[in-house]
Structure formats: C-alpha cells, structure tokens
PDB file of N, CA and C in Angstrom:
ATOM      1  N   UNK A   1       3.529 -57.755  12.129  1.00  0.00           N
ATOM      2  CA  UNK A   1       3.743 -58.143  13.491  1.00  0.00           C
ATOM      3  C   UNK A   1       2.318 -58.458  14.092  1.00  0.00           C
ATOM      4  N   UNK A   2       2.225 -59.590  14.765  1.00  0.00           N
ATOM      5  CA  UNK A   2       1.060 -59.924  15.393  1.00  0.00           C
ATOM      6  C   UNK A   2       0.946 -59.189  16.749  1.00  0.00           C
ATOM      7  N   UNK A   3      -0.164 -58.545  17.114  1.00  0.00           N
ATOM      8  CA  UNK A   3      -0.478 -58.027  18.257  1.00  0.00           C
ATOM      9  C   UNK A   3      -1.656 -58.717  19.036  1.00  0.00           C
ATOM     10  N   UNK A   4      -1.452 -58.578  20.398  1.00  0.00           N
ATOM     11  CA  UNK A   4      -2.373 -59.340  21.218  1.00  0.00           C
ATOM     12  C   UNK A   4      -2.967 -58.286  22.031  1.00  0.00           C
ATOM     13  N   UNK A   5      -4.232 -58.417  22.468  1.00  0.00           N
ATOM     14  CA  UNK A   5      -4.791 -57.711  23.660  1.00  0.00           C
ATOM     15  C   UNK A   5      -4.832 -58.705  24.818  1.00  0.00           C
ATOM     16  N   UNK A   6      -4.156 -58.222  25.837  1.00  0.00           N
ATOM     17  CA  UNK A   6      -3.963 -59.121  26.952  1.00  0.00           C
ATOM     18  C   UNK A   6      -4.750 -58.878  28.303  1.00  0.00           C
ATOM     19  N   UNK A   7      -4.927 -59.810  29.061  1.00  0.00           N
ATOM     20  CA  UNK A   7      -5.461 -59.619  30.416  1.00  0.00           C
ATOM     21  C   UNK A   7      -4.500 -60.267  31.348  1.00  0.00           C
ATOM     22  N   UNK A   8      -3.823 -59.270  32.075  1.00  0.00           N
ATOM     23  CA  UNK A   8      -2.713 -59.794  33.021  1.00  0.00           C
ATOM     24  C   UNK A   8      -3.267 -59.481  34.415  1.00  0.00           C
ATOM     25  N   UNK A   9      -3.056 -60.528  35.181  1.00  0.00           N
ATOM     26  CA  UNK A   9      -3.547 -60.334  36.581  1.00  0.00           C
ATOM     27  C   UNK A   9      -2.697 -61.186  37.568  1.00  0.00           C
ATOM     28  N   UNK A  10      -3.210 -61.274  38.754  1.00  0.00           N
ATOM     29  CA  UNK A  10      -2.556 -62.168  39.781  1.00  0.00           C
ATOM     30  C   UNK A  10      -2.436 -63.527  39.298  1.00  0.00           C
ATOM     31  N   UNK A  11      -1.202 -64.137  39.372  1.00  0.00           N
ATOM     32  CA  UNK A  11      -1.075 -65.582  39.033  1.00  0.00           C
ATOM     33  C   UNK A  11      -1.948 -66.457  39.732  1.00  0.00           C
ATOM     34  N   UNK A  12      -2.691 -67.604  39.075  1.00  0.00           N
ATOM     35  CA  UNK A  12      -3.478 -68.316  39.721  1.00  0.00           C
ATOM     36  C   UNK A  12      -4.858 -67.865  40.112  1.00  0.00           C
ATOM     37  N   UNK A  13      -5.189 -66.602  39.867  1.00  0.00           N
ATOM     38  CA  UNK A  13      -6.397 -66.095  40.375  1.00  0.00           C
ATOM     39  C   UNK A  13      -7.112 -65.072  39.490  1.00  0.00           C
ATOM     40  N   UNK A  14      -8.418 -65.148  39.277  1.00  0.00           N
ATOM     41  CA  UNK A  14      -9.097 -64.211  38.482  1.00  0.00           C
ATOM     42  C   UNK A  14      -9.714 -63.120  39.309  1.00  0.00           C
ATOM     43  N   UNK A  15      -9.214 -63.137  40.658  1.00  0.00           N
ATOM     44  CA  UNK A  15      -9.756 -62.088  41.668  1.00  0.00           C
ATOM     45  C   UNK A  15      -8.625 -60.926  41.631  1.00  0.00           C
ATOM     46  N   UNK A  16      -9.247 -59.741  41.821  1.00  0.00           N
ATOM     47  CA  UNK A  16      -8.310 -58.637  41.984  1.00  0.00           C
ATOM     48  C   UNK A  16      -8.128 -57.954  40.681  1.00  0.00           C
ATOM     49  N   UNK A  17      -7.420 -56.836  40.603  1.00  0.00           N
ATOM     50  CA  UNK A  17      -7.245 -56.079  39.396  1.00  0.00           C
ATOM     51  C   UNK A  17      -6.778 -56.851  38.209  1.00  0.00           C
ATOM     52  N   UNK A  18      -7.162 -56.478  37.065  1.00  0.00           N
ATOM     53  CA  UNK A  18      -6.681 -57.092  35.821  1.00  0.00           C
ATOM     54  C   UNK A  18      -6.427 -56.071  34.760  1.00  0.00           C
ATOM     55  N   UNK A  19      -5.156 -56.007  34.288  1.00  0.00           N
ATOM     56  CA  UNK A  19      -4.657 -55.123  33.432  1.00  0.00           C
ATOM     57  C   UNK A  19      -5.033 -55.544  31.912  1.00  0.00           C
ATOM     58  N   UNK A  20      -5.658 -54.697  31.209  1.00  0.00           N
ATOM     59  CA  UNK A  20      -5.943 -54.947  29.811  1.00  0.00           C
ATOM     60  C   UNK A  20      -5.169 -54.037  29.083  1.00  0.00           C
ATOM     61  N   UNK A  21      -4.278 -54.572  28.092  1.00  0.00           N
ATOM     62  CA  UNK A  21      -3.477 -53.822  27.270  1.00  0.00           C
ATOM     63  C   UNK A  21      -3.135 -54.474  25.947  1.00  0.00           C
ATOM     64  N   UNK A  22      -2.267 -53.991  25.064  1.00  0.00           N
ATOM     65  CA  UNK A  22      -1.812 -54.382  23.877  1.00  0.00           C
ATOM     66  C   UNK A  22      -0.355 -54.608  23.886  1.00  0.00           C
ATOM     67  N   UNK A  23       0.096 -55.738  23.292  1.00  0.00           N
ATOM     68  CA  UNK A  23       1.467 -55.953  23.161  1.00  0.00           C
ATOM     69  C   UNK A  23       1.776 -57.075  22.068  1.00  0.00           C
ATOM     70  N   UNK A  24       2.932 -56.954  21.385  1.00  0.00           N
ATOM     71  CA  UNK A  24       3.365 -57.960  20.417  1.00  0.00           C
ATOM     72  C   UNK A  24       4.188 -59.106  21.194  1.00  0.00           C
ATOM     73  N   UNK A  25       4.438 -58.863  22.399  1.00  0.00           N
ATOM     74  CA  UNK A  25       5.216 -59.949  23.138  1.00  0.00           C
ATOM     75  C   UNK A  25       4.546 -59.853  24.609  1.00  0.00           C
ATOM     76  N   UNK A  26       3.776 -60.643  24.880  1.00  0.00           N
ATOM     77  CA  UNK A  26       3.106 -60.655  26.242  1.00  0.00           C
ATOM     78  C   UNK A  26       4.074 -60.942  27.271  1.00  0.00           C
ATOM     79  N   UNK A  27       4.925 -61.928  27.178  1.00  0.00           N
ATOM     80  CA  UNK A  27       5.747 -62.226  28.381  1.00  0.00           C
ATOM     81  C   UNK A  27       6.655 -60.997  28.701  1.00  0.00           C
ATOM     82  N   UNK A  28       7.168 -60.343  27.577  1.00  0.00           N
ATOM     83  CA  UNK A  28       7.843 -59.180  27.859  1.00  0.00           C
ATOM     84  C   UNK A  28       7.201 -58.183  28.730  1.00  0.00           C
ATOM     85  N   UNK A  29       5.917 -57.954  28.277  1.00  0.00           N
ATOM     86  CA  UNK A  29       4.977 -57.086  29.045  1.00  0.00           C
ATOM     87  C   UNK A  29       4.872 -57.530  30.453  1.00  0.00           C
ATOM     88  N   UNK A  30       4.612 -58.719  30.705  1.00  0.00           N
ATOM     89  CA  UNK A  30       4.459 -59.356  32.156  1.00  0.00           C
ATOM     90  C   UNK A  30       5.766 -58.884  32.825  1.00  0.00           C
ATOM     91  N   UNK A  31       6.810 -59.140  32.377  1.00  0.00           N
ATOM     92  CA  UNK A  31       8.110 -58.895  33.028  1.00  0.00           C
ATOM     93  C   UNK A  31       8.215 -57.459  33.265  1.00  0.00           C
ATOM     94  N   UNK A  32       7.807 -56.536  32.470  1.00  0.00           N
ATOM     95  CA  UNK A  32       7.845 -55.083  32.747  1.00  0.00           C
ATOM     96  C   UNK A  32       6.946 -54.757  33.933  1.00  0.00           C
ATOM     97  N   UNK A  33       5.773 -55.240  33.805  1.00  0.00           N
ATOM     98  CA  UNK A  33       4.669 -55.032  34.922  1.00  0.00           C
ATOM     99  C   UNK A  33       5.145 -55.585  36.238  1.00  0.00           C
ATOM    100  N   UNK A  34       5.836 -56.814  36.153  1.00  0.00           N
ATOM    101  CA  UNK A  34       6.224 -57.533  37.330  1.00  0.00           C
ATOM    102  C   UNK A  34       7.188 -56.745  38.054  1.00  0.00           C
ATOM    103  N   UNK A  35       7.999 -55.944  37.491  1.00  0.00           N
ATOM    104  CA  UNK A  35       8.999 -55.204  38.287  1.00  0.00           C
ATOM    105  C   UNK A  35       8.319 -54.136  39.364  1.00  0.00           C
ATOM    106  N   UNK A  36       7.069 -53.918  39.031  1.00  0.00           N
ATOM    107  CA  UNK A  36       6.375 -52.843  39.845  1.00  0.00           C
ATOM    108  C   UNK A  36       5.355 -53.513  40.831  1.00  0.00           C
ATOM    109  N   UNK A  37       5.153 -54.725  40.745  1.00  0.00           N
ATOM    110  CA  UNK A  37       4.139 -55.544  41.438  1.00  0.00           C
ATOM    111  C   UNK A  37       4.684 -56.455  42.486  1.00  0.00           C
ATOM    112  N   UNK A  38       4.262 -56.445  43.630  1.00  0.00           N
ATOM    113  CA  UNK A  38       4.766 -57.527  44.729  1.00  0.00           C
ATOM    114  C   UNK A  38       4.089 -58.871  44.552  1.00  0.00           C
ATOM    115  N   UNK A  39       2.970 -58.841  43.668  1.00  0.00           N
ATOM    116  CA  UNK A  39       2.176 -60.081  43.471  1.00  0.00           C
ATOM    117  C   UNK A  39       2.775 -60.789  42.082  1.00  0.00           C
ATOM    118  N   UNK A  40       2.865 -62.034  42.048  1.00  0.00           N
ATOM    119  CA  UNK A  40       3.253 -62.809  40.915  1.00  0.00           C
ATOM    120  C   UNK A  40       2.123 -62.602  39.890  1.00  0.00           C
ATOM    121  N   UNK A  41       2.474 -62.150  38.639  1.00  0.00           N
ATOM    122  CA  UNK A  41       1.557 -61.830  37.529  1.00  0.00           C
ATOM    123  C   UNK A  41       1.730 -62.964  36.569  1.00  0.00           C
ATOM    124  N   UNK A  42       0.590 -63.124  35.785  1.00  0.00           N
ATOM    125  CA  UNK A  42       0.561 -64.057  34.612  1.00  0.00           C
ATOM    126  C   UNK A  42      -0.492 -63.470  33.696  1.00  0.00           C
ATOM    127  N   UNK A  43      -0.520 -64.004  32.515  1.00  0.00           N
ATOM    128  CA  UNK A  43      -1.447 -63.719  31.481  1.00  0.00           C
ATOM    129  C   UNK A  43      -2.731 -64.635  31.730  1.00  0.00           C
ATOM    130  N   UNK A  44      -3.838 -63.909  32.093  1.00  0.00           N
ATOM    131  CA  UNK A  44      -5.080 -64.830  32.332  1.00  0.00           C
ATOM    132  C   UNK A  44      -5.704 -65.222  31.052  1.00  0.00           C
ATOM    133  N   UNK A  45      -5.612 -64.314  30.025  1.00  0.00           N
ATOM    134  CA  UNK A  45      -6.226 -64.674  28.703  1.00  0.00           C
ATOM    135  C   UNK A  45      -5.669 -63.682  27.790  1.00  0.00           C
ATOM    136  N   UNK A  46      -5.728 -63.970  26.494  1.00  0.00           N
ATOM    137  CA  UNK A  46      -5.352 -62.917  25.453  1.00  0.00           C
ATOM    138  C   UNK A  46      -6.204 -63.085  24.254  1.00  0.00           C
ATOM    139  N   UNK A  47      -6.343 -62.215  23.335  1.00  0.00           N
ATOM    140  CA  UNK A  47      -6.878 -62.157  22.037  1.00  0.00           C
ATOM    141  C   UNK A  47      -5.928 -61.892  20.934  1.00  0.00           C
ATOM    142  N   UNK A  48      -5.808 -62.764  20.002  1.00  0.00           N
ATOM    143  CA  UNK A  48      -4.957 -62.361  18.884  1.00  0.00           C
ATOM    144  C   UNK A  48      -5.673 -61.436  17.911  1.00  0.00           C
ATOM    145  N   UNK A  49      -5.304 -60.276  17.881  1.00  0.00           N
ATOM    146  CA  UNK A  49      -6.051 -59.269  17.104  1.00  0.00           C
ATOM    147  C   UNK A  49      -5.817 -59.276  15.762  1.00  0.00           C
ATOM    148  N   UNK A  50      -6.784 -59.099  14.943  1.00  0.00           N
ATOM    149  CA  UNK A  50      -6.665 -58.917  13.429  1.00  0.00           C
ATOM    150  C   UNK A  50      -5.846 -57.737  13.137  1.00  0.00           C
ATOM    151  N   UNK A  51      -5.051 -57.763  12.116  1.00  0.00           N
ATOM    152  CA  UNK A  51      -4.146 -56.595  11.721  1.00  0.00           C
ATOM    153  C   UNK A  51      -4.812 -55.301  11.896  1.00  0.00           C
ATOM    154  N   UNK A  52      -4.130 -54.435  12.678  1.00  0.00           N
ATOM    155  CA  UNK A  52      -4.659 -53.192  12.839  1.00  0.00           C
ATOM    156  C   UNK A  52      -5.766 -52.876  13.969  1.00  0.00           C
ATOM    157  N   UNK A  53      -6.345 -53.941  14.364  1.00  0.00           N
ATOM    158  CA  UNK A  53      -7.462 -53.868  15.307  1.00  0.00           C
ATOM    159  C   UNK A  53      -7.174 -53.923  16.834  1.00  0.00           C
ATOM    160  N   UNK A  54      -5.949 -54.176  17.202  1.00  0.00           N
ATOM    161  CA  UNK A  54      -5.566 -54.359  18.663  1.00  0.00           C
ATOM    162  C   UNK A  54      -6.050 -53.250  19.581  1.00  0.00           C
ATOM    163  N   UNK A  55      -5.744 -52.012  19.138  1.00  0.00           N
ATOM    164  CA  UNK A  55      -6.110 -50.798  20.064  1.00  0.00           C
ATOM    165  C   UNK A  55      -7.521 -50.493  19.994  1.00  0.00           C
ATOM    166  N   UNK A  56      -8.202 -50.809  18.914  1.00  0.00           N
ATOM    167  CA  UNK A  56      -9.601 -50.650  18.919  1.00  0.00           C
ATOM    168  C   UNK A  56     -10.464 -51.623  19.775  1.00  0.00           C
ATOM    169  N   UNK A  57      -9.953 -52.805  19.885  1.00  0.00           N
ATOM    170  CA  UNK A  57     -10.456 -53.793  20.691  1.00  0.00           C
ATOM    171  C   UNK A  57     -10.117 -53.412  22.192  1.00  0.00           C
ATOM    172  N   UNK A  58      -8.909 -53.034  22.469  1.00  0.00           N
ATOM    173  CA  UNK A  58      -8.681 -52.618  23.827  1.00  0.00           C
ATOM    174  C   UNK A  58      -9.465 -51.468  24.203  1.00  0.00           C
ATOM    175  N   UNK A  59      -9.619 -50.443  23.481  1.00  0.00           N
ATOM    176  CA  UNK A  59     -10.521 -49.175  23.730  1.00  0.00           C
ATOM    177  C   UNK A  59     -11.937 -49.749  24.129  1.00  0.00           C
ATOM    178  N   UNK A  60     -12.557 -50.595  23.304  1.00  0.00           N
ATOM    179  CA  UNK A  60     -13.824 -51.087  23.533  1.00  0.00           C
ATOM    180  C   UNK A  60     -13.926 -51.793  24.859  1.00  0.00           C
ATOM    181  N   UNK A  61     -12.914 -52.571  25.197  1.00  0.00           N
ATOM    182  CA  UNK A  61     -12.926 -53.305  26.415  1.00  0.00           C
ATOM    183  C   UNK A  61     -12.860 -52.393  27.634  1.00  0.00           C
ATOM    184  N   UNK A  62     -11.933 -51.356  27.515  1.00  0.00           N
ATOM    185  CA  UNK A  62     -11.718 -50.417  28.516  1.00  0.00           C
ATOM    186  C   UNK A  62     -13.098 -49.603  28.736  1.00  0.00           C
ATOM    187  N   UNK A  63     -13.851 -49.370  27.819  1.00  0.00           N
ATOM    188  CA  UNK A  63     -15.143 -48.685  27.881  1.00  0.00           C
ATOM    189  C   UNK A  63     -16.146 -49.563  28.564  1.00  0.00           C
ATOM    190  N   UNK A  64     -16.129 -50.902  28.313  1.00  0.00           N
ATOM    191  CA  UNK A  64     -17.042 -51.723  28.868  1.00  0.00           C
ATOM    192  C   UNK A  64     -16.704 -51.939  30.329  1.00  0.00           C
ATOM    193  N   UNK A  65     -15.491 -51.866  30.717  1.00  0.00           N
ATOM    194  CA  UNK A  65     -15.090 -52.003  32.141  1.00  0.00           C
ATOM    195  C   UNK A  65     -14.833 -50.658  32.764  1.00  0.00           C
ATOM    196  N   UNK A  66     -15.284 -49.585  32.342  1.00  0.00           N
ATOM    197  CA  UNK A  66     -14.882 -48.265  32.999  1.00  0.00           C
ATOM    198  C   UNK A  66     -15.310 -48.073  34.278  1.00  0.00           C
ATOM    199  N   UNK A  67     -16.392 -48.689  34.736  1.00  0.00           N
ATOM    200  CA  UNK A  67     -16.886 -48.539  36.195  1.00  0.00           C
ATOM    201  C   UNK A  67     -15.960 -49.260  37.150  1.00  0.00           C
ATOM    202  N   UNK A  68     -14.977 -50.073  36.609  1.00  0.00           N
ATOM    203  CA  UNK A  68     -14.142 -50.915  37.492  1.00  0.00           C
ATOM    204  C   UNK A  68     -12.739 -50.444  37.490  1.00  0.00           C
ATOM    205  N   UNK A  69     -12.369 -49.175  36.755  1.00  0.00           N
ATOM    206  CA  UNK A  69     -11.073 -48.807  36.714  1.00  0.00           C
ATOM    207  C   UNK A  69     -10.494 -48.376  38.063  1.00  0.00           C
ATOM    208  N   UNK A  70      -9.167 -48.588  38.069  1.00  0.00           N
ATOM    209  CA  UNK A  70      -8.411 -48.132  39.280  1.00  0.00           C
ATOM    210  C   UNK A  70      -7.264 -47.143  38.782  1.00  0.00           C
ATOM    211  N   UNK A  71      -7.238 -45.910  39.255  1.00  0.00           N
ATOM    212  CA  UNK A  71      -6.172 -45.048  38.910  1.00  0.00           C
ATOM    213  C   UNK A  71      -6.151 -44.926  37.265  1.00  0.00           C
ATOM    214  N   UNK A  72      -7.203 -44.666  36.706  1.00  0.00           N
ATOM    215  CA  UNK A  72      -7.438 -44.453  35.152  1.00  0.00           C
ATOM    216  C   UNK A  72      -7.045 -45.711  34.433  1.00  0.00           C
ATOM    217  N   UNK A  73      -6.805 -46.796  34.929  1.00  0.00           N
ATOM    218  CA  UNK A  73      -6.460 -48.113  34.223  1.00  0.00           C
ATOM    219  C   UNK A  73      -7.631 -48.963  34.146  1.00  0.00           C
TER     220      UNK A  73
END
C-alpha cells in the first residue's frame, strides 16, 4: 500500500496552521479532519513515501517544525 506524508491546511492559502501526517488515502483524511474544522481544508502538498518510510519522514518533519506546534500537533 502506498503511503503519503501530507500537508493539509486552509483551502487556497498557505497561511495558518498546517497538519502534517501520514495516510494511504489523503482525501479520506481531509474528509475526517473537515468534520472538525469550520475552514475549508485541502491538501497543500504531499510526499509519496518509499515503502516503510512514511512515519520516519513525518517524525523528521515534526521535529523540524516543533517550535511552530499548536496543541502538540
């Protein structure tokens, strides 16, 4: 199964919070997150991860952005 590291944020804008995560189905993940957000969300960018590397890539990105975290995210 192909996994992606995604960057989901406010539709049409790279301003504001960006959710970094892993999913095999990005649209399904957007739909899940959308139910909790008053803002329209979309995938701003994604990385198709090599087999077994998605969570390692995600962890590295979270470490690089740790000073920008909101509520542990």
